[in-house]
Amino acid sequence: MEYENSVDRKFQKELNAGVAALILLDIVSRAGEPMYGYQIAAMVGGSRQDGSFIKQGTFYPILHSLEGSGLLKSNVEPSVNGPPRRYYRITPDGRDTLERWKAIWQTTRDFADSVLRS
């Protein structure tokens, strides 16, 4: 989607910030095994036709932030097809946080929908 002006871009950036962390945490949570960044990115990109919801420049910083907050853990493993890969998995605190964030998201979404539909 093309934005009309800088105000639109700023609004979209602020809206995306928390939602992106929620989505990345959920993707890692639903995985049956640790995932490396490209796998996570492919899942995010596959859920939107233009693949632009989470920009590549913010994708890894969000994962690092989630890890820094203790919501994800990672380890680096050698790769047969290239450089070593960093694999992410959710922590127990991450699972608890994810459930709270989902509830917050639902409440926020429901409130916004009820007001905007009026």
PDB file of N, CA and C in Angstrom:
ATOM      1  N   MET A   1       0.837  -1.173   0.000  1.00  0.00           N
ATOM      2  CA  MET A   1       0.000   0.000   0.000  1.00  0.00           C
ATOM      3  C   MET A   1       0.885   1.240   0.000  1.00  0.00           C
ATOM      4  N   GLU A   2       0.545   2.172  -0.852  1.00  0.00           N
ATOM      5  CA  GLU A   2       1.257   3.444  -0.908  1.00  0.00           C
ATOM      6  C   GLU A   2       0.583   4.414   0.051  1.00  0.00           C
ATOM      7  N   TYR A   3       1.391   5.131   0.803  1.00  0.00           N
ATOM      8  CA  TYR A   3       0.846   6.086   1.758  1.00  0.00           C
ATOM      9  C   TYR A   3       0.843   7.464   1.141  1.00  0.00           C
ATOM     10  N   GLU A   4      -0.186   8.219   1.465  1.00  0.00           N
ATOM     11  CA  GLU A   4      -0.379   9.544   0.889  1.00  0.00           C
ATOM     12  C   GLU A   4       0.689  10.538   1.329  1.00  0.00           C
ATOM     13  N   ASN A   5       1.089  10.449   2.595  1.00  0.00           N
ATOM     14  CA  ASN A   5       1.997  11.474   3.110  1.00  0.00           C
ATOM     15  C   ASN A   5       2.741  10.945   4.330  1.00  0.00           C
ATOM     16  N   SER A   6       3.562  11.800   4.902  1.00  0.00           N
ATOM     17  CA  SER A   6       4.365  11.382   6.048  1.00  0.00           C
ATOM     18  C   SER A   6       3.514  11.083   7.275  1.00  0.00           C
ATOM     19  N   VAL A   7       2.372  11.713   7.407  1.00  0.00           N
ATOM     20  CA  VAL A   7       1.486  11.449   8.543  1.00  0.00           C
ATOM     21  C   VAL A   7       0.965  10.008   8.460  1.00  0.00           C
ATOM     22  N   ASP A   8       0.594   9.576   7.243  1.00  0.00           N
ATOM     23  CA  ASP A   8       0.133   8.199   7.049  1.00  0.00           C
ATOM     24  C   ASP A   8       1.252   7.205   7.365  1.00  0.00           C
ATOM     25  N   ARG A   9       2.449   7.496   6.878  1.00  0.00           N
ATOM     26  CA  ARG A   9       3.593   6.603   7.120  1.00  0.00           C
ATOM     27  C   ARG A   9       3.898   6.505   8.612  1.00  0.00           C
ATOM     28  N   LYS A  10       3.845   7.629   9.311  1.00  0.00           N
ATOM     29  CA  LYS A  10       4.123   7.638  10.751  1.00  0.00           C
ATOM     30  C   LYS A  10       3.067   6.818  11.498  1.00  0.00           C
ATOM     31  N   PHE A  11       1.801   6.999  11.137  1.00  0.00           N
ATOM     32  CA  PHE A  11       0.726   6.241  11.777  1.00  0.00           C
ATOM     33  C   PHE A  11       0.927   4.743  11.552  1.00  0.00           C
ATOM     34  N   GLN A  12       1.234   4.348  10.329  1.00  0.00           N
ATOM     35  CA  GLN A  12       1.429   2.932  10.024  1.00  0.00           C
ATOM     36  C   GLN A  12       2.631   2.371  10.773  1.00  0.00           C
ATOM     37  N   LYS A  13       3.702   3.132  10.862  1.00  0.00           N
ATOM     38  CA  LYS A  13       4.898   2.679  11.574  1.00  0.00           C
ATOM     39  C   LYS A  13       4.596   2.441  13.046  1.00  0.00           C
ATOM     40  N   GLU A  14       3.899   3.381  13.675  1.00  0.00           N
ATOM     41  CA  GLU A  14       3.562   3.244  15.092  1.00  0.00           C
ATOM     42  C   GLU A  14       2.597   2.086  15.325  1.00  0.00           C
ATOM     43  N   LEU A  15       1.642   1.916  14.429  1.00  0.00           N
ATOM     44  CA  LEU A  15       0.691   0.815  14.543  1.00  0.00           C
ATOM     45  C   LEU A  15       1.392  -0.534  14.395  1.00  0.00           C
ATOM     46  N   ASN A  16       2.320  -0.612  13.469  1.00  0.00           N
ATOM     47  CA  ASN A  16       3.028  -1.867  13.206  1.00  0.00           C
ATOM     48  C   ASN A  16       3.964  -2.292  14.326  1.00  0.00           C
ATOM     49  N   ALA A  17       4.495  -1.355  15.087  1.00  0.00           N
ATOM     50  CA  ALA A  17       5.558  -1.658  16.048  1.00  0.00           C
ATOM     51  C   ALA A  17       5.185  -2.780  17.009  1.00  0.00           C
ATOM     52  N   GLY A  18       4.110  -2.633  17.745  1.00  0.00           N
ATOM     53  CA  GLY A  18       3.722  -3.665  18.702  1.00  0.00           C
ATOM     54  C   GLY A  18       3.120  -4.885  18.043  1.00  0.00           C
ATOM     55  N   VAL A  19       2.374  -4.659  16.965  1.00  0.00           N
ATOM     56  CA  VAL A  19       1.727  -5.770  16.274  1.00  0.00           C
ATOM     57  C   VAL A  19       2.779  -6.714  15.697  1.00  0.00           C
ATOM     58  N   ALA A  20       3.854  -6.170  15.186  1.00  0.00           N
ATOM     59  CA  ALA A  20       4.914  -7.008  14.616  1.00  0.00           C
ATOM     60  C   ALA A  20       5.528  -7.914  15.676  1.00  0.00           C
ATOM     61  N   ALA A  21       5.778  -7.386  16.860  1.00  0.00           N
ATOM     62  CA  ALA A  21       6.336  -8.207  17.943  1.00  0.00           C
ATOM     63  C   ALA A  21       5.361  -9.314  18.322  1.00  0.00           C
ATOM     64  N   LEU A  22       4.082  -8.986  18.400  1.00  0.00           N
ATOM     65  CA  LEU A  22       3.051  -9.984  18.707  1.00  0.00           C
ATOM     66  C   LEU A  22       3.048 -11.092  17.666  1.00  0.00           C
ATOM     67  N   ILE A  23       3.080 -10.730  16.405  1.00  0.00           N
ATOM     68  CA  ILE A  23       3.039 -11.717  15.325  1.00  0.00           C
ATOM     69  C   ILE A  23       4.277 -12.597  15.324  1.00  0.00           C
ATOM     70  N   LEU A  24       5.458 -12.007  15.469  1.00  0.00           N
ATOM     71  CA  LEU A  24       6.687 -12.810  15.478  1.00  0.00           C
ATOM     72  C   LEU A  24       6.706 -13.772  16.659  1.00  0.00           C
ATOM     73  N   LEU A  25       6.294 -13.302  17.820  1.00  0.00           N
ATOM     74  CA  LEU A  25       6.260 -14.167  18.999  1.00  0.00           C
ATOM     75  C   LEU A  25       5.279 -15.317  18.779  1.00  0.00           C
ATOM     76  N   ASP A  26       4.138 -15.035  18.168  1.00  0.00           N
ATOM     77  CA  ASP A  26       3.150 -16.076  17.903  1.00  0.00           C
ATOM     78  C   ASP A  26       3.664 -17.107  16.898  1.00  0.00           C
ATOM     79  N   ILE A  27       4.322 -16.658  15.861  1.00  0.00           N
ATOM     80  CA  ILE A  27       4.863 -17.581  14.853  1.00  0.00           C
ATOM     81  C   ILE A  27       5.860 -18.542  15.495  1.00  0.00           C
ATOM     82  N   VAL A  28       6.771 -17.996  16.299  1.00  0.00           N
ATOM     83  CA  VAL A  28       7.764 -18.850  16.954  1.00  0.00           C
ATOM     84  C   VAL A  28       7.078 -19.792  17.944  1.00  0.00           C
ATOM     85  N   SER A  29       6.039 -19.304  18.606  1.00  0.00           N
ATOM     86  CA  SER A  29       5.311 -20.115  19.577  1.00  0.00           C
ATOM     87  C   SER A  29       4.653 -21.333  18.928  1.00  0.00           C
ATOM     88  N   ARG A  30       4.091 -21.144  17.738  1.00  0.00           N
ATOM     89  CA  ARG A  30       3.368 -22.227  17.066  1.00  0.00           C
ATOM     90  C   ARG A  30       4.286 -23.227  16.374  1.00  0.00           C
ATOM     91  N   ALA A  31       5.547 -22.881  16.244  1.00  0.00           N
ATOM     92  CA  ALA A  31       6.487 -23.790  15.579  1.00  0.00           C
ATOM     93  C   ALA A  31       6.752 -25.004  16.469  1.00  0.00           C
ATOM     94  N   GLY A  32       6.838 -26.136  15.875  1.00  0.00           N
ATOM     95  CA  GLY A  32       7.121 -27.354  16.627  1.00  0.00           C
ATOM     96  C   GLY A  32       8.587 -27.501  16.983  1.00  0.00           C
ATOM     97  N   GLU A  33       9.406 -26.674  16.421  1.00  0.00           N
ATOM     98  CA  GLU A  33      10.852 -26.737  16.664  1.00  0.00           C
ATOM     99  C   GLU A  33      11.433 -25.346  16.500  1.00  0.00           C
ATOM    100  N   PRO A  34      12.666 -25.129  16.953  1.00  0.00           N
ATOM    101  CA  PRO A  34      13.284 -23.807  16.779  1.00  0.00           C
ATOM    102  C   PRO A  34      13.319 -23.415  15.294  1.00  0.00           C
ATOM    103  N   MET A  35      13.172 -22.128  15.053  1.00  0.00           N
ATOM    104  CA  MET A  35      13.149 -21.607  13.682  1.00  0.00           C
ATOM    105  C   MET A  35      14.262 -20.584  13.503  1.00  0.00           C
ATOM    106  N   TYR A  36      14.840 -20.554  12.314  1.00  0.00           N
ATOM    107  CA  TYR A  36      15.816 -19.511  12.039  1.00  0.00           C
ATOM    108  C   TYR A  36      15.127 -18.354  11.333  1.00  0.00           C
ATOM    109  N   GLY A  37      15.785 -17.212  11.347  1.00  0.00           N
ATOM    110  CA  GLY A  37      15.184 -15.974  10.894  1.00  0.00           C
ATOM    111  C   GLY A  37      14.511 -16.041   9.539  1.00  0.00           C
ATOM    112  N   TYR A  38      15.163 -16.661   8.562  1.00  0.00           N
ATOM    113  CA  TYR A  38      14.588 -16.710   7.219  1.00  0.00           C
ATOM    114  C   TYR A  38      13.274 -17.485   7.207  1.00  0.00           C
ATOM    115  N   GLN A  39      13.186 -18.550   7.998  1.00  0.00           N
ATOM    116  CA  GLN A  39      11.936 -19.316   8.079  1.00  0.00           C
ATOM    117  C   GLN A  39      10.813 -18.445   8.638  1.00  0.00           C
ATOM    118  N   ILE A  40      11.129 -17.692   9.681  1.00  0.00           N
ATOM    119  CA  ILE A  40      10.130 -16.816  10.294  1.00  0.00           C
ATOM    120  C   ILE A  40       9.716 -15.744   9.290  1.00  0.00           C
ATOM    121  N   ALA A  41      10.685 -15.153   8.614  1.00  0.00           N
ATOM    122  CA  ALA A  41      10.400 -14.109   7.626  1.00  0.00           C
ATOM    123  C   ALA A  41       9.524 -14.640   6.506  1.00  0.00           C
ATOM    124  N   ALA A  42       9.775 -15.869   6.075  1.00  0.00           N
ATOM    125  CA  ALA A  42       8.965 -16.462   5.007  1.00  0.00           C
ATOM    126  C   ALA A  42       7.517 -16.621   5.451  1.00  0.00           C
ATOM    127  N   MET A  43       7.305 -16.984   6.704  1.00  0.00           N
ATOM    128  CA  MET A  43       5.944 -17.124   7.207  1.00  0.00           C
ATOM    129  C   MET A  43       5.244 -15.765   7.278  1.00  0.00           C
ATOM    130  N   VAL A  44       5.962 -14.752   7.688  1.00  0.00           N
ATOM    131  CA  VAL A  44       5.386 -13.406   7.750  1.00  0.00           C
ATOM    132  C   VAL A  44       5.091 -12.912   6.342  1.00  0.00           C
ATOM    133  N   GLY A  45       6.048 -13.069   5.454  1.00  0.00           N
ATOM    134  CA  GLY A  45       5.865 -12.622   4.072  1.00  0.00           C
ATOM    135  C   GLY A  45       4.770 -13.372   3.353  1.00  0.00           C
ATOM    136  N   GLY A  46       4.607 -14.644   3.672  1.00  0.00           N
ATOM    137  CA  GLY A  46       3.579 -15.451   3.033  1.00  0.00           C
ATOM    138  C   GLY A  46       2.181 -15.107   3.480  1.00  0.00           C
ATOM    139  N   SER A  47       2.059 -14.379   4.584  1.00  0.00           N
ATOM    140  CA  SER A  47       0.733 -14.051   5.082  1.00  0.00           C
ATOM    141  C   SER A  47       0.202 -12.748   4.486  1.00  0.00           C
ATOM    142  N   ARG A  48       1.012 -12.088   3.685  1.00  0.00           N
ATOM    143  CA  ARG A  48       0.582 -10.830   3.078  1.00  0.00           C
ATOM    144  C   ARG A  48       1.130 -10.778   1.665  1.00  0.00           C
ATOM    145  N   GLN A  49       0.302 -10.448   0.701  1.00  0.00           N
ATOM    146  CA  GLN A  49       0.704 -10.524  -0.697  1.00  0.00           C
ATOM    147  C   GLN A  49       1.940  -9.698  -1.028  1.00  0.00           C
ATOM    148  N   ASP A  50       2.013  -8.470  -0.524  1.00  0.00           N
ATOM    149  CA  ASP A  50       3.169  -7.651  -0.863  1.00  0.00           C
ATOM    150  C   ASP A  50       4.333  -7.848   0.100  1.00  0.00           C
ATOM    151  N   GLY A  51       4.121  -8.650   1.169  1.00  0.00           N
ATOM    152  CA  GLY A  51       5.195  -8.986   2.093  1.00  0.00           C
ATOM    153  C   GLY A  51       5.790  -7.802   2.825  1.00  0.00           C
ATOM    154  N   SER A  52       5.065  -6.693   2.906  1.00  0.00           N
ATOM    155  CA  SER A  52       5.665  -5.473   3.429  1.00  0.00           C
ATOM    156  C   SER A  52       5.248  -5.112   4.851  1.00  0.00           C
ATOM    157  N   PHE A  53       4.517  -5.968   5.530  1.00  0.00           N
ATOM    158  CA  PHE A  53       4.057  -5.596   6.871  1.00  0.00           C
ATOM    159  C   PHE A  53       5.233  -5.348   7.809  1.00  0.00           C
ATOM    160  N   ILE A  54       6.183  -6.270   7.829  1.00  0.00           N
ATOM    161  CA  ILE A  54       7.370  -6.092   8.660  1.00  0.00           C
ATOM    162  C   ILE A  54       8.559  -5.918   7.715  1.00  0.00           C
ATOM    163  N   LYS A  55       9.097  -4.736   7.705  1.00  0.00           N
ATOM    164  CA  LYS A  55      10.227  -4.441   6.822  1.00  0.00           C
ATOM    165  C   LYS A  55      11.462  -5.218   7.268  1.00  0.00           C
ATOM    166  N   GLN A  56      12.276  -5.627   6.311  1.00  0.00           N
ATOM    167  CA  GLN A  56      13.465  -6.412   6.623  1.00  0.00           C
ATOM    168  C   GLN A  56      14.387  -5.688   7.607  1.00  0.00           C
ATOM    169  N   GLY A  57      14.456  -4.374   7.520  1.00  0.00           N
ATOM    170  CA  GLY A  57      15.316  -3.620   8.417  1.00  0.00           C
ATOM    171  C   GLY A  57      14.880  -3.650   9.871  1.00  0.00           C
ATOM    172  N   THR A  58      13.611  -3.986  10.127  1.00  0.00           N
ATOM    173  CA  THR A  58      13.121  -4.052  11.504  1.00  0.00           C
ATOM    174  C   THR A  58      12.896  -5.473  11.985  1.00  0.00           C
ATOM    175  N   PHE A  59      12.891  -6.421  11.080  1.00  0.00           N
ATOM    176  CA  PHE A  59      12.594  -7.809  11.416  1.00  0.00           C
ATOM    177  C   PHE A  59      13.561  -8.378  12.457  1.00  0.00           C
ATOM    178  N   TYR A  60      14.836  -8.336  12.164  1.00  0.00           N
ATOM    179  CA  TYR A  60      15.823  -8.899  13.097  1.00  0.00           C
ATOM    180  C   TYR A  60      15.939  -8.087  14.387  1.00  0.00           C
ATOM    181  N   PRO A  61      15.875  -6.758  14.334  1.00  0.00           N
ATOM    182  CA  PRO A  61      15.867  -6.022  15.601  1.00  0.00           C
ATOM    183  C   PRO A  61      14.696  -6.408  16.512  1.00  0.00           C
ATOM    184  N   ILE A  62      13.541  -6.713  15.937  1.00  0.00           N
ATOM    185  CA  ILE A  62      12.405  -7.144  16.759  1.00  0.00           C
ATOM    186  C   ILE A  62      12.717  -8.492  17.403  1.00  0.00           C
ATOM    187  N   LEU A  63      13.258  -9.424  16.637  1.00  0.00           N
ATOM    188  CA  LEU A  63      13.638 -10.724  17.205  1.00  0.00           C
ATOM    189  C   LEU A  63      14.671 -10.544  18.320  1.00  0.00           C
ATOM    190  N   HIS A  64      15.651  -9.684  18.102  1.00  0.00           N
ATOM    191  CA  HIS A  64      16.683  -9.438  19.116  1.00  0.00           C
ATOM    192  C   HIS A  64      16.076  -8.794  20.359  1.00  0.00           C
ATOM    193  N   SER A  65      15.130  -7.895  20.162  1.00  0.00           N
ATOM    194  CA  SER A  65      14.464  -7.253  21.288  1.00  0.00           C
ATOM    195  C   SER A  65      13.656  -8.270  22.094  1.00  0.00           C
ATOM    196  N   LEU A  66      12.950  -9.149  21.408  1.00  0.00           N
ATOM    197  CA  LEU A  66      12.188 -10.200  22.096  1.00  0.00           C
ATOM    198  C   LEU A  66      13.126 -11.110  22.883  1.00  0.00           C
ATOM    199  N   GLU A  67      14.281 -11.388  22.304  1.00  0.00           N
ATOM    200  CA  GLU A  67      15.268 -12.206  23.008  1.00  0.00           C
ATOM    201  C   GLU A  67      15.838 -11.438  24.202  1.00  0.00           C
ATOM    202  N   GLY A  68      16.145 -10.176  24.014  1.00  0.00           N
ATOM    203  CA  GLY A  68      16.678  -9.364  25.092  1.00  0.00           C
ATOM    204  C   GLY A  68      15.709  -9.226  26.259  1.00  0.00           C
ATOM    205  N   SER A  69      14.431  -9.326  25.969  1.00  0.00           N
ATOM    206  CA  SER A  69      13.398  -9.257  27.006  1.00  0.00           C
ATOM    207  C   SER A  69      13.140 -10.607  27.658  1.00  0.00           C
ATOM    208  N   GLY A  70      13.835 -11.638  27.198  1.00  0.00           N
ATOM    209  CA  GLY A  70      13.673 -12.971  27.769  1.00  0.00           C
ATOM    210  C   GLY A  70      12.470 -13.735  27.231  1.00  0.00           C
ATOM    211  N   LEU A  71      11.867 -13.233  26.136  1.00  0.00           N
ATOM    212  CA  LEU A  71      10.693 -13.887  25.574  1.00  0.00           C
ATOM    213  C   LEU A  71      11.067 -14.952  24.550  1.00  0.00           C
ATOM    214  N   LEU A  72      12.237 -14.799  23.954  1.00  0.00           N
ATOM    215  CA  LEU A  72      12.801 -15.794  23.034  1.00  0.00           C
ATOM    216  C   LEU A  72      14.202 -16.139  23.498  1.00  0.00           C
ATOM    217  N   LYS A  73      14.643 -17.322  23.136  1.00  0.00           N
ATOM    218  CA  LYS A  73      16.046 -17.726  23.309  1.00  0.00           C
ATOM    219  C   LYS A  73      16.547 -18.115  21.940  1.00  0.00           C
ATOM    220  N   SER A  74      17.838 -17.991  21.742  1.00  0.00           N
ATOM    221  CA  SER A  74      18.392 -18.393  20.452  1.00  0.00           C
ATOM    222  C   SER A  74      19.713 -19.105  20.649  1.00  0.00           C
ATOM    223  N   ASN A  75      20.063 -19.860  19.644  1.00  0.00           N
ATOM    224  CA  ASN A  75      21.384 -20.476  19.592  1.00  0.00           C
ATOM    225  C   ASN A  75      21.806 -20.538  18.129  1.00  0.00           C
ATOM    226  N   VAL A  76      23.102 -20.493  17.922  1.00  0.00           N
ATOM    227  CA  VAL A  76      23.650 -20.509  16.575  1.00  0.00           C
ATOM    228  C   VAL A  76      24.139 -21.918  16.271  1.00  0.00           C
ATOM    229  N   GLU A  77      23.753 -22.408  15.095  1.00  0.00           N
ATOM    230  CA  GLU A  77      24.166 -23.742  14.662  1.00  0.00           C
ATOM    231  C   GLU A  77      24.759 -23.646  13.271  1.00  0.00           C
ATOM    232  N   PRO A  78      25.728 -24.499  12.973  1.00  0.00           N
ATOM    233  CA  PRO A  78      26.308 -24.509  11.627  1.00  0.00           C
ATOM    234  C   PRO A  78      25.253 -24.882  10.588  1.00  0.00           C
ATOM    235  N   SER A  79      25.443 -24.393   9.392  1.00  0.00           N
ATOM    236  CA  SER A  79      24.536 -24.704   8.292  1.00  0.00           C
ATOM    237  C   SER A  79      25.309 -25.414   7.198  1.00  0.00           C
ATOM    238  N   VAL A  80      24.708 -26.411   6.612  1.00  0.00           N
ATOM    239  CA  VAL A  80      25.334 -27.143   5.510  1.00  0.00           C
ATOM    240  C   VAL A  80      25.391 -26.258   4.267  1.00  0.00           C
ATOM    241  N   ASN A  81      24.419 -25.373   4.105  1.00  0.00           N
ATOM    242  CA  ASN A  81      24.287 -24.580   2.889  1.00  0.00           C
ATOM    243  C   ASN A  81      24.767 -23.138   3.011  1.00  0.00           C
ATOM    244  N   GLY A  82      25.586 -22.816   3.973  1.00  0.00           N
ATOM    245  CA  GLY A  82      26.036 -21.428   4.079  1.00  0.00           C
ATOM    246  C   GLY A  82      26.505 -21.094   5.474  1.00  0.00           C
ATOM    247  N   PRO A  83      26.352 -19.819   5.821  1.00  0.00           N
ATOM    248  CA  PRO A  83      26.822 -19.383   7.141  1.00  0.00           C
ATOM    249  C   PRO A  83      25.979 -19.996   8.262  1.00  0.00           C
ATOM    250  N   PRO A  84      26.484 -19.949   9.481  1.00  0.00           N
ATOM    251  CA  PRO A  84      25.711 -20.473  10.609  1.00  0.00           C
ATOM    252  C   PRO A  84      24.363 -19.759  10.724  1.00  0.00           C
ATOM    253  N   ARG A  85      23.395 -20.458  11.289  1.00  0.00           N
ATOM    254  CA  ARG A  85      22.053 -19.900  11.434  1.00  0.00           C
ATOM    255  C   ARG A  85      21.719 -19.739  12.916  1.00  0.00           C
ATOM    256  N   ARG A  86      21.017 -18.663  13.215  1.00  0.00           N
ATOM    257  CA  ARG A  86      20.535 -18.428  14.570  1.00  0.00           C
ATOM    258  C   ARG A  86      19.105 -18.939  14.649  1.00  0.00           C
ATOM    259  N   TYR A  87      18.885 -19.907  15.532  1.00  0.00           N
ATOM    260  CA  TYR A  87      17.572 -20.510  15.715  1.00  0.00           C
ATOM    261  C   TYR A  87      16.901 -19.925  16.958  1.00  0.00           C
ATOM    262  N   TYR A  88      15.621 -19.578  16.819  1.00  0.00           N
ATOM    263  CA  TYR A  88      14.850 -18.977  17.908  1.00  0.00           C
ATOM    264  C   TYR A  88      13.791 -19.944  18.406  1.00  0.00           C
ATOM    265  N   ARG A  89      13.579 -19.916  19.715  1.00  0.00           N
ATOM    266  CA  ARG A  89      12.483 -20.667  20.333  1.00  0.00           C
ATOM    267  C   ARG A  89      11.900 -19.798  21.437  1.00  0.00           C
ATOM    268  N   ILE A  90      10.639 -20.015  21.738  1.00  0.00           N
ATOM    269  CA  ILE A  90       9.966 -19.208  22.745  1.00  0.00           C
ATOM    270  C   ILE A  90      10.285 -19.748  24.134  1.00  0.00           C
ATOM    271  N   THR A  91      10.362 -18.863  25.101  1.00  0.00           N
ATOM    272  CA  THR A  91      10.617 -19.244  26.487  1.00  0.00           C
ATOM    273  C   THR A  91       9.278 -19.375  27.221  1.00  0.00           C
ATOM    274  N   PRO A  92       9.282 -19.991  28.395  1.00  0.00           N
ATOM    275  CA  PRO A  92       8.037 -20.036  29.179  1.00  0.00           C
ATOM    276  C   PRO A  92       7.482 -18.631  29.461  1.00  0.00           C
ATOM    277  N   ASP A  93       8.362 -17.683  29.780  1.00  0.00           N
ATOM    278  CA  ASP A  93       7.906 -16.305  29.989  1.00  0.00           C
ATOM    279  C   ASP A  93       7.337 -15.734  28.692  1.00  0.00           C
ATOM    280  N   GLY A  94       7.921 -16.120  27.569  1.00  0.00           N
ATOM    281  CA  GLY A  94       7.417 -15.684  26.271  1.00  0.00           C
ATOM    282  C   GLY A  94       6.011 -16.201  26.015  1.00  0.00           C
ATOM    283  N   ARG A  95       5.749 -17.445  26.386  1.00  0.00           N
ATOM    284  CA  ARG A  95       4.397 -18.012  26.214  1.00  0.00           C
ATOM    285  C   ARG A  95       3.384 -17.269  27.075  1.00  0.00           C
ATOM    286  N   ASP A  96       3.753 -16.987  28.321  1.00  0.00           N
ATOM    287  CA  ASP A  96       2.856 -16.230  29.208  1.00  0.00           C
ATOM    288  C   ASP A  96       2.592 -14.831  28.649  1.00  0.00           C
ATOM    289  N   THR A  97       3.650 -14.185  28.207  1.00  0.00           N
ATOM    290  CA  THR A  97       3.531 -12.843  27.650  1.00  0.00           C
ATOM    291  C   THR A  97       2.676 -12.861  26.392  1.00  0.00           C
ATOM    292  N   LEU A  98       2.872 -13.852  25.550  1.00  0.00           N
ATOM    293  CA  LEU A  98       2.088 -13.963  24.323  1.00  0.00           C
ATOM    294  C   LEU A  98       0.593 -14.033  24.629  1.00  0.00           C
ATOM    295  N   GLU A  99       0.220 -14.809  25.615  1.00  0.00           N
ATOM    296  CA  GLU A  99      -1.203 -14.906  25.972  1.00  0.00           C
ATOM    297  C   GLU A  99      -1.749 -13.563  26.444  1.00  0.00           C
ATOM    298  N   ARG A 100      -0.964 -12.839  27.229  1.00  0.00           N
ATOM    299  CA  ARG A 100      -1.395 -11.508  27.682  1.00  0.00           C
ATOM    300  C   ARG A 100      -1.505 -10.545  26.503  1.00  0.00           C
ATOM    301  N   TRP A 101      -0.515 -10.589  25.603  1.00  0.00           N
ATOM    302  CA  TRP A 101      -0.523  -9.694  24.450  1.00  0.00           C
ATOM    303  C   TRP A 101      -1.711  -9.990  23.534  1.00  0.00           C
ATOM    304  N   LYS A 102      -2.034 -11.260  23.383  1.00  0.00           N
ATOM    305  CA  LYS A 102      -3.202 -11.608  22.558  1.00  0.00           C
ATOM    306  C   LYS A 102      -4.470 -11.011  23.162  1.00  0.00           C
ATOM    307  N   ALA A 103      -4.603 -11.102  24.469  1.00  0.00           N
ATOM    308  CA  ALA A 103      -5.777 -10.543  25.141  1.00  0.00           C
ATOM    309  C   ALA A 103      -5.806  -9.019  24.972  1.00  0.00           C
ATOM    310  N   ILE A 104      -4.651  -8.375  25.124  1.00  0.00           N
ATOM    311  CA  ILE A 104      -4.567  -6.924  24.939  1.00  0.00           C
ATOM    312  C   ILE A 104      -4.947  -6.563  23.503  1.00  0.00           C
ATOM    313  N   TRP A 105      -4.413  -7.318  22.548  1.00  0.00           N
ATOM    314  CA  TRP A 105      -4.713  -7.065  21.140  1.00  0.00           C
ATOM    315  C   TRP A 105      -6.208  -7.199  20.875  1.00  0.00           C
ATOM    316  N   GLN A 106      -6.830  -8.254  21.377  1.00  0.00           N
ATOM    317  CA  GLN A 106      -8.262  -8.454  21.143  1.00  0.00           C
ATOM    318  C   GLN A 106      -9.091  -7.319  21.739  1.00  0.00           C
ATOM    319  N   THR A 107      -8.744  -6.910  22.943  1.00  0.00           N
ATOM    320  CA  THR A 107      -9.459  -5.808  23.581  1.00  0.00           C
ATOM    321  C   THR A 107      -9.295  -4.516  22.780  1.00  0.00           C
ATOM    322  N   THR A 108      -8.080  -4.238  22.361  1.00  0.00           N
ATOM    323  CA  THR A 108      -7.798  -3.036  21.583  1.00  0.00           C
ATOM    324  C   THR A 108      -8.519  -3.072  20.245  1.00  0.00           C
ATOM    325  N   ARG A 109      -8.427  -4.211  19.558  1.00  0.00           N
ATOM    326  CA  ARG A 109      -9.083  -4.359  18.259  1.00  0.00           C
ATOM    327  C   ARG A 109     -10.598  -4.203  18.386  1.00  0.00           C
ATOM    328  N   ASP A 110     -11.180  -4.874  19.376  1.00  0.00           N
ATOM    329  CA  ASP A 110     -12.626  -4.782  19.574  1.00  0.00           C
ATOM    330  C   ASP A 110     -13.067  -3.354  19.878  1.00  0.00           C
ATOM    331  N   PHE A 111     -12.298  -2.673  20.732  1.00  0.00           N
ATOM    332  CA  PHE A 111     -12.620  -1.277  21.062  1.00  0.00           C
ATOM    333  C   PHE A 111     -12.551  -0.401  19.811  1.00  0.00           C
ATOM    334  N   ALA A 112     -11.451  -0.511  19.062  1.00  0.00           N
ATOM    335  CA  ALA A 112     -11.289   0.308  17.866  1.00  0.00           C
ATOM    336  C   ALA A 112     -12.402   0.011  16.860  1.00  0.00           C
ATOM    337  N   ASP A 113     -12.718  -1.257  16.662  1.00  0.00           N
ATOM    338  CA  ASP A 113     -13.796  -1.621  15.739  1.00  0.00           C
ATOM    339  C   ASP A 113     -15.129  -1.032  16.174  1.00  0.00           C
ATOM    340  N   SER A 114     -15.413  -1.093  17.465  1.00  0.00           N
ATOM    341  CA  SER A 114     -16.708  -0.588  17.936  1.00  0.00           C
ATOM    342  C   SER A 114     -16.806   0.925  17.755  1.00  0.00           C
ATOM    343  N   VAL A 115     -15.727   1.632  17.978  1.00  0.00           N
ATOM    344  CA  VAL A 115     -15.745   3.088  17.830  1.00  0.00           C
ATOM    345  C   VAL A 115     -15.761   3.485  16.355  1.00  0.00           C
ATOM    346  N   LEU A 116     -14.941   2.830  15.567  1.00  0.00           N
ATOM    347  CA  LEU A 116     -14.828   3.212  14.151  1.00  0.00           C
ATOM    348  C   LEU A 116     -16.062   2.825  13.348  1.00  0.00           C
ATOM    349  N   ARG A 117     -16.806   1.850  13.791  1.00  0.00           N
ATOM    350  CA  ARG A 117     -18.022   1.437  13.079  1.00  0.00           C
ATOM    351  C   ARG A 117     -19.229   2.289  13.440  1.00  0.00           C
ATOM    352  N   SER A 118     -19.095   3.075  14.487  1.00  0.00           N
ATOM    353  CA  SER A 118     -20.229   3.902  14.942  1.00  0.00           C
ATOM    354  C   SER A 118     -20.559   5.007  13.974  1.00  0.00           C
TER     355      SER A 118
END
